[in-house]
């Protein structure tokens, strides 16, 4: 029986080279930006809704924002990596996105870059559009993880996905987690020694794993990457 593996991708600064919200903030002059906000503790939700409300009042439509996000380029080699994993049969990969970004941006970007079909699941904060055409974002869930914002714990999302797959008699010989940031850390704490964390070089996730590996008994192997081509070489071995 061929191996079945799971590849988990972050979105901001992992698939694309930038953070969606930080890029969108550039549309607002400083004097129209919402007051300072503690993103690490509070997450993006409340702040993002105030930003989208302000952007709509300035005449920026949802269509304009989506087109802008779709124009953000992928990190070099990431589309090739995703296509390779999606087409692989030995081992067979399932691909999911677990991101604290917003569903409308992630889905539109994937479709624009012809990658949407490659993913079994896309887990991020839900979005709706109200009668005024304003984009409203909401929390994915209510989290109490010390390593995550209150709206999104990636460890909880990953564990729920794995449990759901087990109910379908789908088990993974290895989980490959590809990320870069602070809230990519908590999933690594429950991963196995045969799993692999691919952390973007010189970024927060790599630093936190290297600093806490012994103290917190972090088990998965660690691979540092700069672009998708390096990841492709690593996973194609």
Protein backbone atom coordinates (compact mmCIF):
# COMPACT_ATOMS: atom_id res chain seq x y z
CA UNK A 1 0.00 0.00 0.00
CA UNK A 2 1.39 3.42 -0.96
CA UNK A 3 2.04 6.02 1.70
CA UNK A 4 -0.57 8.71 2.29
CA UNK A 5 0.69 12.03 3.58
CA UNK A 6 -0.87 15.36 4.52
CA UNK A 7 0.62 18.70 3.48
CA UNK A 8 -0.64 21.66 5.53
CA UNK A 9 -0.02 25.16 4.14
CA UNK A 10 -0.22 28.53 5.79
CA UNK A 11 -1.21 31.34 3.39
CA UNK A 12 0.15 34.79 4.29
CA UNK A 13 3.93 34.96 3.88
CA UNK A 14 4.01 31.25 3.03
CA UNK A 15 2.08 30.79 -0.22
CA UNK A 16 2.24 34.49 -0.97
CA UNK A 17 5.17 36.68 -0.05
CA UNK A 18 3.14 39.23 1.94
CA UNK A 19 0.40 39.55 4.56
CA UNK A 20 -2.96 40.38 2.94
CA UNK A 21 -4.13 42.75 5.67
CA UNK A 22 -0.85 44.65 5.86
CA UNK A 23 -1.00 45.15 2.10
CA UNK A 24 -4.62 46.31 2.21
CA UNK A 25 -3.77 48.79 4.96
CA UNK A 26 -1.63 50.64 2.42
CA UNK A 27 -4.86 51.85 0.80
CA UNK A 28 -5.60 53.89 3.92
CA UNK A 29 -3.69 57.09 4.70
CA UNK A 30 -2.33 57.12 8.24
CA UNK A 31 -4.93 59.56 9.53
CA UNK A 32 -7.77 57.24 8.43
CA UNK A 33 -6.36 54.06 9.92
CA UNK A 34 -7.99 52.58 13.03
CA UNK A 35 -6.12 53.14 16.32
CA UNK A 36 -3.18 50.95 17.34
CA UNK A 37 -4.17 47.35 18.04
CA UNK A 38 -2.55 44.30 19.66
CA UNK A 39 -2.83 41.72 16.87
CA UNK A 40 -0.89 39.02 18.75
CA UNK A 41 -3.45 38.98 21.58
CA UNK A 42 -6.64 40.09 19.85
CA UNK A 43 -6.22 38.78 16.30
CA UNK A 44 -7.27 40.59 13.12
CA UNK A 45 -11.07 40.30 13.26
CA UNK A 46 -12.22 43.49 15.00
CA UNK A 47 -9.48 45.57 13.40
CA UNK A 48 -10.09 44.16 9.91
CA UNK A 49 -13.81 44.96 10.04
CA UNK A 50 -13.07 48.58 10.92
CA UNK A 51 -10.55 48.73 8.05
CA UNK A 52 -13.03 47.31 5.51
CA UNK A 53 -15.71 49.74 6.68
CA UNK A 54 -13.33 52.66 6.21
CA UNK A 55 -12.22 51.42 2.78
CA UNK A 56 -15.82 51.16 1.59
CA UNK A 57 -16.45 54.74 2.73
CA UNK A 58 -13.46 55.79 0.60
CA UNK A 59 -14.95 54.07 -2.47
CA UNK A 60 -12.92 50.86 -2.51
CA UNK A 61 -15.24 48.03 -3.52
CA UNK A 62 -14.90 44.40 -2.53
CA UNK A 63 -14.12 43.60 -6.18
CA UNK A 64 -11.21 46.06 -6.10
CA UNK A 65 -9.82 44.51 -2.91
CA UNK A 66 -10.10 40.97 -4.28
CA UNK A 67 -8.39 41.95 -7.53
CA UNK A 68 -5.59 43.50 -5.53
CA UNK A 69 -5.12 40.37 -3.39
CA UNK A 70 -5.14 38.18 -6.50
CA UNK A 71 -2.34 40.32 -7.94
CA UNK A 72 -0.02 39.48 -5.03
CA UNK A 73 2.57 37.03 -6.37
CA UNK A 74 3.26 33.63 -4.86
CA UNK A 75 6.58 32.93 -3.23
CA UNK A 76 8.71 31.52 -6.09
CA UNK A 77 8.25 27.79 -6.58
CA UNK A 78 5.12 27.47 -4.44
CA UNK A 79 2.73 26.83 -7.36
CA UNK A 80 5.13 24.20 -8.70
CA UNK A 81 5.35 22.58 -5.26
CA UNK A 82 1.56 22.45 -4.89
CA UNK A 83 1.07 20.98 -8.37
CA UNK A 84 3.78 18.39 -7.73
CA UNK A 85 2.23 17.25 -4.45
CA UNK A 86 -1.27 17.22 -5.90
CA UNK A 87 -0.12 15.04 -8.81
CA UNK A 88 1.99 12.73 -6.66
CA UNK A 89 0.90 9.11 -6.30
CA UNK A 90 3.94 7.73 -4.45
CA UNK A 91 3.42 9.00 -1.83
CA UNK A 92 -0.13 10.27 -2.24
CA UNK A 93 -0.71 13.71 -0.72
CA UNK A 94 -3.79 15.46 0.55
CA UNK A 95 -3.34 19.24 0.73
CA UNK A 96 -5.11 21.68 3.04
CA UNK A 97 -4.74 25.36 3.91
CA UNK A 98 -4.93 26.41 7.56
CA UNK A 99 -4.72 30.19 7.72
CA UNK A 100 -5.73 33.07 9.96
CA UNK A 101 -6.46 35.03 6.79
CA UNK A 102 -9.96 35.54 5.34
CA UNK A 103 -11.76 33.00 3.19
CA UNK A 104 -12.77 35.33 0.36
CA UNK A 105 -9.18 36.42 -0.22
CA UNK A 106 -7.65 32.94 0.04
CA UNK A 107 -10.22 31.29 -2.25
CA UNK A 108 -10.09 34.04 -4.87
CA UNK A 109 -6.29 34.01 -4.90
CA UNK A 110 -6.17 30.23 -5.31
CA UNK A 111 -8.67 30.35 -8.17
CA UNK A 112 -6.80 33.19 -9.89
CA UNK A 113 -3.58 31.15 -9.75
CA UNK A 114 -5.30 27.89 -10.79
CA UNK A 115 -4.52 26.13 -7.51
CA UNK A 116 -7.97 25.87 -5.90
CA UNK A 117 -8.60 22.34 -7.20
CA UNK A 118 -5.45 21.06 -5.46
CA UNK A 119 -6.79 21.48 -1.91
CA UNK A 120 -8.96 19.03 0.01
CA UNK A 121 -9.88 21.71 2.55
CA UNK A 122 -9.44 25.44 3.15
CA UNK A 123 -9.74 26.50 6.78
CA UNK A 124 -9.67 30.23 7.52
CA UNK A 125 -11.85 32.99 8.97
CA UNK A 126 -15.27 33.16 7.25
CA UNK A 127 -16.46 36.23 5.37
CA UNK A 128 -19.86 37.60 4.36
CA UNK A 129 -21.04 40.68 2.47
CA UNK A 130 -23.80 42.82 3.98
CA UNK A 131 -26.53 44.70 2.09
CA UNK A 132 -24.29 47.76 1.79
CA UNK A 133 -21.60 45.76 0.00
CA UNK A 134 -19.35 45.85 3.05
CA UNK A 135 -17.06 42.89 3.70
CA UNK A 136 -17.62 41.41 7.17
CA UNK A 137 -15.15 38.93 8.63
CA UNK A 138 -15.81 36.64 11.58
CA UNK A 139 -13.83 34.35 13.87
CA UNK A 140 -13.30 30.78 12.72
CA UNK A 141 -13.94 29.67 16.30
CA UNK A 142 -13.33 30.81 19.87
CA UNK A 143 -9.88 29.67 20.96
CA UNK A 144 -8.15 29.66 24.33
CA UNK A 145 -4.70 28.63 23.12
CA UNK A 146 -1.77 30.52 24.72
CA UNK A 147 0.06 30.49 21.37
CA UNK A 148 -2.83 31.67 19.18
CA UNK A 149 -5.14 34.66 18.69
CA UNK A 150 -8.63 34.15 20.19
CA UNK A 151 -10.24 33.60 16.78
CA UNK A 152 -8.03 30.87 15.34
CA UNK A 153 -5.98 28.03 16.84
CA UNK A 154 -4.22 26.11 14.08
CA UNK A 155 -3.49 23.14 16.32
CA UNK A 156 -7.21 22.74 17.03
CA UNK A 157 -8.08 23.05 13.33
CA UNK A 158 -5.47 20.47 12.33
CA UNK A 159 -6.56 18.02 15.04
CA UNK A 160 -10.21 18.36 14.00
CA UNK A 161 -9.28 17.66 10.38
CA UNK A 162 -7.23 14.59 11.33
CA UNK A 163 -10.10 13.27 13.48
CA UNK A 164 -12.55 13.81 10.64
CA UNK A 165 -10.28 11.90 8.25
CA UNK A 166 -9.85 9.05 10.73
CA UNK A 167 -13.63 8.65 10.82
CA UNK A 168 -13.37 8.10 7.05
CA UNK A 169 -10.60 5.52 7.63
CA UNK A 170 -7.99 7.91 6.24
CA UNK A 171 -4.75 7.97 8.22
CA UNK A 172 -1.54 9.77 7.36
CA UNK A 173 1.92 8.25 7.59
CA UNK A 174 3.36 11.75 7.79
CA UNK A 175 2.13 15.30 8.23
CA UNK A 176 4.17 18.04 6.54
CA UNK A 177 3.45 21.49 7.96
CA UNK A 178 4.60 24.49 5.90
CA UNK A 179 4.46 27.89 7.60
CA UNK A 180 6.33 30.91 8.83
CA UNK A 181 4.71 32.80 11.69
CA UNK A 182 3.89 32.93 15.38
CA UNK A 183 0.55 31.13 15.18
CA UNK A 184 2.10 28.28 13.16
CA UNK A 185 3.93 27.23 16.32
CA UNK A 186 1.15 25.51 18.29
CA UNK A 187 0.52 22.70 15.73
CA UNK A 188 4.16 21.64 16.00
CA UNK A 189 3.73 20.84 19.70
CA UNK A 190 1.50 17.82 18.97
CA UNK A 191 3.19 16.56 15.81
CA UNK A 192 5.04 13.23 15.80
CA UNK A 193 8.72 12.47 15.34
CA UNK A 194 8.03 11.15 11.84
CA UNK A 195 6.31 14.41 10.84
CA UNK A 196 8.08 17.37 9.23
CA UNK A 197 7.80 21.09 9.95
CA UNK A 198 8.98 23.29 7.08
CA UNK A 199 9.60 26.72 8.58
CA UNK A 200 10.50 29.76 6.49
CA UNK A 201 14.12 30.62 7.15
CA UNK A 202 14.84 33.62 9.41
CA UNK A 203 11.18 33.97 10.41
CA UNK A 204 9.29 33.64 13.69
CA UNK A 205 8.28 29.95 13.44
CA UNK A 206 11.86 28.78 12.86
CA UNK A 207 13.10 30.89 15.74
CA UNK A 208 10.44 29.64 18.18
CA UNK A 209 11.04 25.97 17.34
CA UNK A 210 14.81 26.28 17.64
CA UNK A 211 14.48 28.15 20.93
CA UNK A 212 11.92 25.80 22.50
CA UNK A 213 12.68 22.38 20.97
CA UNK A 214 14.28 20.83 24.06
CA UNK A 215 12.27 22.69 26.69
CA UNK A 216 8.90 21.86 25.10
CA UNK A 217 9.97 18.49 23.65
CA UNK A 218 9.04 19.38 20.08
CA UNK A 219 9.25 16.11 18.14
CA UNK A 220 8.88 16.68 14.38
CA UNK A 221 11.89 17.15 12.15
CA UNK A 222 12.62 20.73 11.10
CA UNK A 223 13.50 21.94 7.63
CA UNK A 224 14.24 25.60 6.86
CA UNK A 225 13.26 26.96 3.46
CA UNK A 226 13.61 30.11 1.40
CA UNK A 227 11.32 29.29 -1.54
CA UNK A 228 9.07 26.61 -2.94
CA UNK A 229 11.80 25.15 -5.13
CA UNK A 230 13.78 24.14 -2.05
CA UNK A 231 10.66 22.56 -0.57
CA UNK A 232 10.01 20.73 -3.83
CA UNK A 233 13.53 19.27 -3.80
CA UNK A 234 13.12 18.23 -0.16
CA UNK A 235 9.72 16.57 -0.55
CA UNK A 236 10.60 14.95 -3.87
CA UNK A 237 13.44 13.00 -2.24
